[in-house]
Protein backbone atom coordinates (compact mmCIF):
# COMPACT_ATOMS: atom_id res chain seq x y z
CA MET A 1 21.16 -23.37 27.85
CA GLU A 2 21.30 -24.17 24.12
CA ASN A 3 22.10 -27.87 24.56
CA SER A 4 20.43 -31.21 24.02
CA ASP A 5 17.76 -30.36 26.60
CA TRP A 6 16.81 -26.87 25.40
CA THR A 7 16.99 -25.37 21.91
CA LEU A 8 16.63 -21.65 21.25
CA VAL A 9 13.34 -20.73 19.57
CA LYS A 10 13.56 -16.95 19.54
CA ARG A 11 14.65 -13.88 21.43
CA ARG A 12 11.80 -12.16 23.21
CA THR A 13 10.87 -8.82 21.66
CA ALA A 14 9.28 -7.57 24.89
CA ASP A 15 12.41 -8.22 26.94
CA ALA A 16 15.82 -7.51 25.43
CA ASP A 17 17.50 -9.99 27.79
CA GLY A 18 14.91 -12.73 27.38
CA ALA A 19 14.57 -15.73 25.14
CA VAL A 20 12.33 -18.75 24.53
CA TYR A 21 13.65 -22.32 24.40
CA VAL A 22 11.92 -25.62 23.62
CA SER A 23 12.71 -28.99 25.19
CA ALA A 24 14.03 -31.86 23.11
CA ASP A 25 10.68 -33.65 23.23
CA GLY A 26 8.75 -30.47 22.33
CA ARG A 27 6.50 -30.77 25.38
CA ARG A 28 7.91 -27.86 27.40
CA PHE A 29 9.06 -24.30 26.86
CA ARG A 30 11.56 -22.39 28.98
CA ARG A 31 11.44 -18.62 28.95
CA THR A 32 14.00 -16.26 30.45
CA GLY A 33 13.81 -12.58 31.26
CA GLY A 34 13.66 -10.00 33.99
CA GLU A 35 11.07 -8.75 36.45
CA ALA A 36 8.52 -8.34 33.64
CA LEU A 37 8.62 -12.10 33.11
CA ARG A 38 8.10 -12.67 36.83
CA ALA A 39 4.99 -10.46 36.72
CA GLU A 40 3.76 -12.19 33.57
CA SER A 41 4.14 -15.67 35.04
CA ALA A 42 2.34 -14.62 38.24
CA PHE A 43 -0.52 -13.22 36.16
CA GLN A 44 -0.63 -16.35 34.00
CA GLU A 45 -0.78 -18.56 37.08
CA MET A 46 -3.62 -16.45 38.47
CA VAL A 47 -5.80 -16.57 35.33
CA ALA A 48 -5.12 -20.29 34.92
CA GLY A 49 -6.93 -20.69 38.21
CA LEU A 50 -9.87 -18.82 36.68
CA GLY A 51 -10.14 -21.27 33.80
CA TYR A 52 -8.31 -19.22 31.17
CA PRO A 53 -6.87 -21.39 28.36
CA VAL A 54 -3.21 -20.71 29.15
CA PRO A 55 -0.11 -22.91 29.47
CA ARG A 56 0.34 -24.60 32.85
CA LEU A 57 3.46 -23.42 34.69
CA LEU A 58 5.67 -26.36 35.62
CA ALA A 59 8.59 -24.63 37.34
CA GLN A 60 10.07 -21.20 37.88
CA GLY A 61 13.10 -19.66 39.51
CA GLN A 62 16.03 -17.32 39.19
CA ASP A 63 19.59 -17.96 38.02
CA ALA A 64 22.67 -16.87 39.94
CA ASP A 65 23.02 -13.89 37.61
CA GLY A 66 19.52 -12.71 38.52
CA ARG A 67 17.80 -13.83 35.33
CA VAL A 68 14.24 -15.03 35.89
CA TRP A 69 13.14 -18.25 34.19
CA VAL A 70 9.90 -20.20 33.89
CA VAL A 71 9.09 -23.59 32.39
CA GLU A 72 5.60 -24.17 31.04
CA GLU A 73 3.78 -26.89 29.16
CA SER A 74 3.53 -26.69 25.38
CA LEU A 75 0.12 -25.94 23.91
CA GLY A 76 1.18 -27.16 20.48
CA ALA A 77 3.86 -26.96 17.86
CA ARG A 78 2.39 -24.10 15.80
CA SER A 79 0.27 -21.01 16.33
CA LEU A 80 -2.81 -20.48 14.18
CA HIS A 81 -0.82 -17.80 12.35
CA GLU A 82 1.85 -20.36 11.47
CA GLU A 83 -0.86 -22.81 10.39
CA ALA A 84 -2.41 -20.16 8.14
CA VAL A 85 0.93 -19.28 6.55
CA ALA A 86 1.70 -22.96 5.97
CA GLU A 87 -1.59 -23.40 4.14
CA GLY A 88 -0.36 -20.88 1.59
CA GLY A 89 -3.77 -19.56 0.61
CA GLN A 90 -4.57 -15.90 0.11
CA GLU A 91 -7.62 -16.30 2.32
CA LEU A 92 -7.72 -18.00 5.71
CA SER A 93 -9.18 -21.48 5.67
CA ASP A 94 -12.49 -21.97 7.43
CA ALA A 95 -10.76 -24.57 9.60
CA VAL A 96 -8.39 -21.94 11.04
CA VAL A 97 -11.22 -19.45 11.57
CA ASP A 98 -13.38 -22.05 13.31
CA GLN A 99 -10.49 -23.15 15.54
CA LEU A 100 -9.86 -19.50 16.44
CA ALA A 101 -13.53 -19.12 17.32
CA GLN A 102 -13.38 -22.12 19.65
CA VAL A 103 -10.36 -20.82 21.58
CA SER A 104 -11.72 -17.27 21.63
CA ALA A 105 -15.08 -18.46 22.98
CA ARG A 106 -13.29 -20.34 25.78
CA LEU A 107 -11.26 -17.27 26.66
CA LEU A 108 -14.28 -14.95 26.55
CA HIS A 109 -16.32 -17.28 28.77
CA ALA A 110 -13.54 -17.42 31.37
CA GLN A 111 -13.15 -13.65 31.26
CA VAL A 112 -16.80 -12.68 31.68
CA THR A 113 -17.47 -15.25 34.39
CA HIS A 114 -14.67 -13.69 36.46
CA PRO A 115 -15.13 -9.92 36.06
CA VAL A 116 -12.72 -7.54 37.75
CA ASP A 117 -14.03 -5.23 40.46
CA ALA A 118 -12.02 -2.35 39.07
CA GLU A 119 -11.61 1.09 40.59
CA PRO A 120 -13.17 4.22 39.01
CA GLY A 121 -11.17 5.35 36.02
CA ALA A 122 -10.07 1.81 35.09
CA LEU A 123 -11.64 2.04 31.64
CA ARG A 124 -9.76 5.19 30.79
CA ARG A 125 -6.55 3.70 32.13
CA TRP A 126 -7.19 0.79 29.77
CA VAL A 127 -7.44 3.24 26.86
CA ASP A 128 -4.00 4.62 27.72
CA GLN A 129 -2.41 1.21 28.36
CA ALA A 130 -3.92 -0.72 25.45
CA GLY A 131 -3.55 2.20 23.05
CA TRP A 132 -0.05 3.14 24.23
CA THR A 133 -1.28 6.71 24.03
CA ARG A 134 1.67 8.25 25.86
CA ASN A 135 4.13 6.87 23.31
CA VAL A 136 1.84 7.53 20.33
CA PHE A 137 1.29 11.16 21.26
CA THR A 138 4.99 11.66 22.02
CA GLU A 139 6.03 10.31 18.62
CA ASN A 140 3.06 11.90 16.82
CA PRO A 141 2.29 15.16 18.66
CA ASP A 142 0.03 16.30 15.83
CA PHE A 143 -2.34 13.48 16.82
CA ASP A 144 -2.67 14.73 20.39
CA THR A 145 -5.62 16.96 19.58
CA PRO A 146 -9.06 17.67 21.05
CA ARG A 147 -10.49 15.67 18.16
CA THR A 148 -8.53 12.50 19.00
CA ARG A 149 -9.18 12.91 22.71
CA ALA A 150 -12.90 13.33 22.03
CA VAL A 151 -13.02 10.12 19.97
CA LEU A 152 -11.23 8.17 22.71
CA GLU A 153 -13.60 9.62 25.29
CA GLN A 154 -16.59 8.61 23.15
CA ALA A 155 -15.27 5.05 22.84
CA ALA A 156 -14.77 4.84 26.61
CA GLU A 157 -18.28 6.16 27.26
CA ARG A 158 -19.83 3.63 24.89
CA LEU A 159 -17.97 0.84 26.68
CA ALA A 160 -19.01 1.98 30.14
CA GLY A 161 -21.52 -0.88 30.52
CA ALA A 162 -19.14 -3.65 29.48
CA PRO A 163 -17.69 -5.87 32.21
CA LEU A 164 -14.02 -5.26 32.94
CA VAL A 165 -11.93 -8.42 32.79
CA TRP A 166 -8.35 -9.64 32.99
CA SER A 167 -7.13 -9.22 29.41
CA HIS A 168 -4.32 -10.26 27.08
CA LEU A 169 -4.24 -6.88 25.23
CA ASP A 170 -2.19 -8.32 22.32
CA TYR A 171 -4.50 -11.14 21.20
CA GLY A 172 -4.30 -12.43 17.65
CA LEU A 173 -3.51 -15.46 15.51
CA PRO A 174 0.25 -15.42 16.36
CA ASN A 175 -0.58 -15.88 20.06
CA VAL A 176 -3.34 -18.48 19.66
CA LEU A 177 -2.71 -22.22 19.46
CA ARG A 178 -5.27 -24.99 19.21
CA SER A 179 -5.17 -25.57 22.97
CA GLY A 180 -4.98 -22.03 24.25
CA VAL A 181 -3.31 -18.63 24.35
CA ILE A 182 0.35 -17.69 24.97
CA ASP A 183 2.44 -14.52 25.48
CA TRP A 184 0.65 -12.59 28.23
CA GLN A 185 3.34 -9.94 28.74
CA HIS A 186 1.00 -7.05 27.87
CA HIS A 187 -1.73 -8.18 30.28
CA GLY A 188 -4.02 -5.80 32.09
CA VAL A 189 -7.66 -4.94 32.73
CA GLY A 190 -9.90 -4.24 29.73
CA PRO A 191 -13.51 -4.41 28.59
CA ALA A 192 -14.88 -7.87 27.82
CA GLY A 193 -14.57 -8.63 24.13
CA TYR A 194 -11.60 -6.39 23.41
CA ASP A 195 -9.18 -9.30 23.13
CA VAL A 196 -11.21 -11.71 21.06
CA ALA A 197 -13.35 -9.44 18.86
CA LEU A 198 -10.38 -8.01 16.98
CA ALA A 199 -8.46 -11.20 16.14
CA LEU A 200 -9.44 -11.07 12.45
CA GLU A 201 -9.98 -7.31 12.25
CA ILE A 202 -6.34 -6.51 12.99
CA ILE A 203 -4.94 -8.48 10.04
CA PRO A 204 -5.09 -5.43 7.70
CA PHE A 205 -2.89 -3.41 10.07
CA LYS A 206 0.04 -5.54 8.91
CA GLY A 207 -0.39 -4.06 5.44
CA GLY A 208 -0.77 -7.36 3.62
CA ALA A 209 2.43 -8.78 5.09
CA LYS A 210 0.77 -11.60 7.03
CA GLY A 211 0.25 -13.62 3.86
CA TYR A 212 -3.50 -14.10 4.30
CA THR A 213 -6.77 -12.25 4.68
CA ALA A 214 -10.15 -12.98 6.26
CA SER A 215 -13.25 -12.73 4.08
CA PRO A 216 -16.30 -10.69 5.16
CA ALA A 217 -18.21 -13.95 5.59
CA GLN A 218 -15.50 -15.37 7.86
CA ARG A 219 -15.36 -12.21 9.93
CA GLY A 220 -19.13 -12.20 10.29
CA ARG A 221 -19.26 -15.87 11.26
CA TYR A 222 -16.47 -15.39 13.80
CA LEU A 223 -18.19 -12.43 15.47
CA ALA A 224 -21.49 -14.33 15.53
CA ALA A 225 -19.76 -17.18 17.38
CA LEU A 226 -18.41 -14.70 19.93
CA ASP A 227 -21.81 -13.06 20.40
CA SER A 228 -23.29 -16.52 21.01
CA ALA A 229 -20.59 -17.27 23.60
CA ALA A 230 -21.23 -13.91 25.27
CA ALA A 231 -24.96 -14.58 25.44
CA ALA A 232 -24.31 -18.00 26.97
CA ALA A 233 -22.21 -16.30 29.64
CA GLY A 234 -24.96 -13.77 30.35
CA VAL A 235 -23.46 -10.62 28.81
CA GLY A 236 -24.28 -8.52 25.78
CA PRO A 237 -22.84 -9.01 22.29
CA VAL A 238 -19.26 -7.93 21.66
CA SER A 239 -19.73 -7.18 17.96
CA GLY A 240 -21.51 -3.90 18.66
CA HIS A 241 -18.33 -2.48 20.19
CA LEU A 242 -16.06 -3.32 17.26
CA GLY A 243 -15.48 0.32 16.37
CA ASP A 244 -14.82 1.31 19.98
CA PHE A 245 -12.23 -1.43 20.28
CA LEU A 246 -10.59 -0.56 16.96
CA VAL A 247 -10.15 3.10 17.85
CA VAL A 248 -7.88 2.01 20.68
CA LYS A 249 -6.20 -0.82 18.74
CA SER A 250 -5.28 1.48 15.84
CA LEU A 251 -3.21 3.56 18.25
CA PHE A 252 -1.57 0.40 19.59
CA PHE A 253 -0.34 -0.40 16.08
CA LEU A 254 1.14 3.09 15.72
CA ALA A 255 3.15 2.84 18.96
CA LEU A 256 6.95 2.60 18.66
CA MET A 257 6.74 3.03 14.88
CA LYS A 258 8.57 6.35 14.43
CA PRO A 259 12.05 5.53 13.09
CA ALA A 260 15.04 6.94 14.94
CA ASP A 261 16.87 7.35 11.64
CA PRO A 262 15.02 9.69 9.22
CA ALA A 263 16.99 8.08 6.37
CA ALA A 264 15.42 4.67 7.02
CA ALA A 265 13.00 4.92 4.10
CA ASP A 266 11.20 1.59 4.63
CA LYS A 267 10.59 2.23 8.31
CA HIS A 268 9.51 5.78 7.62
CA GLN A 269 6.98 4.55 5.06
CA LYS A 270 5.54 1.99 7.50
CA TRP A 271 5.23 4.70 10.13
CA GLN A 272 3.37 6.97 7.69
CA TYR A 273 1.19 4.03 6.68
CA ARG A 274 0.13 3.34 10.27
CA ARG A 275 -0.56 7.06 10.74
CA HIS A 276 -2.79 6.90 7.67
CA LEU A 277 -4.73 3.96 9.11
CA VAL A 278 -5.32 5.80 12.39
CA LEU A 279 -6.69 8.81 10.54
CA LYS A 280 -8.82 6.64 8.27
CA GLY A 281 -10.22 4.82 11.29
CA LEU A 282 -10.98 8.06 13.12
CA GLU A 283 -12.86 9.40 10.09
CA GLN A 284 -14.93 6.21 9.82
CA TYR A 285 -15.69 6.15 13.52
CA GLU A 286 -16.78 9.78 13.62
CA ARG A 287 -19.03 9.23 10.59
CA THR A 288 -20.52 5.82 11.34
CA GLY A 289 -19.68 4.87 14.93
CA THR A 290 -17.65 1.88 13.77
CA ILE A 291 -14.57 0.99 11.69
CA ASP A 292 -14.44 -1.45 8.79
CA THR A 293 -10.84 -2.53 8.27
CA ALA A 294 -11.78 -4.03 4.90
CA HIS A 295 -11.56 -0.47 3.56
CA PHE A 296 -7.94 -0.09 4.69
CA PRO A 297 -5.36 -0.05 1.87
CA THR A 298 -2.46 -2.47 1.90
CA LEU A 299 1.03 -1.06 2.40
CA ASP A 300 1.77 -1.49 -1.30
CA GLU A 301 -1.42 0.37 -2.25
CA PHE A 302 -0.54 3.17 0.16
CA ALA A 303 2.98 3.41 -1.26
CA ALA A 304 1.69 3.47 -4.81
CA GLY A 305 -0.77 6.23 -3.94
């Protein structure tokens, strides 16, 4: 596999047996994995037919050892995250933010023009899937309280009027390229706007480790572009649900964080940091109905405090 035709790019974090390879000319990617990759590629092929900005599948199959593989077109050499890091500035450039807005608007338009006729209870199933609540409450049983459940219920109730759409569920700058969106392994059904609205809001959850921030003006301009795209597609603004979305996303960032080794000080600190952000978000949401991630401390600030 790692020859003149295909060069290893990375091992896939969502599939221990999977990897990503790039062709010698950089125009194709080959991904390997198990049944999860088969499901992902089938989903990707389906939403491509709905106009989603995703890579076109060129070939797929299964090796003699049972490993699933797919070959897809390249959407570009670098993600917007990699472009932002390469720029080296503390704040995102307006060019990156505007490019993100363009791709996000395309995705949102495709989503809301093809809503999912979901069964009753789909919104609450989205809360559990997107928030990884089973894992979060298992690793943090003190968070599985009537208070937390009430906040999640409130968020679901406020989103009851939003169209349900086929969603990425892990959308952000690392998965966005100038021509579209990659890495759909966490796909599912979710409320319109959940994917795109949070792309800049989730940067603080990395604790300052991404190497860049988004200014309030950039965040506001980005959300305004999304609201305009939503209006053009005939649905309500997504910005009004920012807090509802962030309640769920904060749990997502706490999932799988509890270290197996209590002596792993760095991992333990990151786990406690994410716990702190969940609590801070819950307090804001209960008080104001939304969450402003600009008030989140960085990891270094949390450690110092």
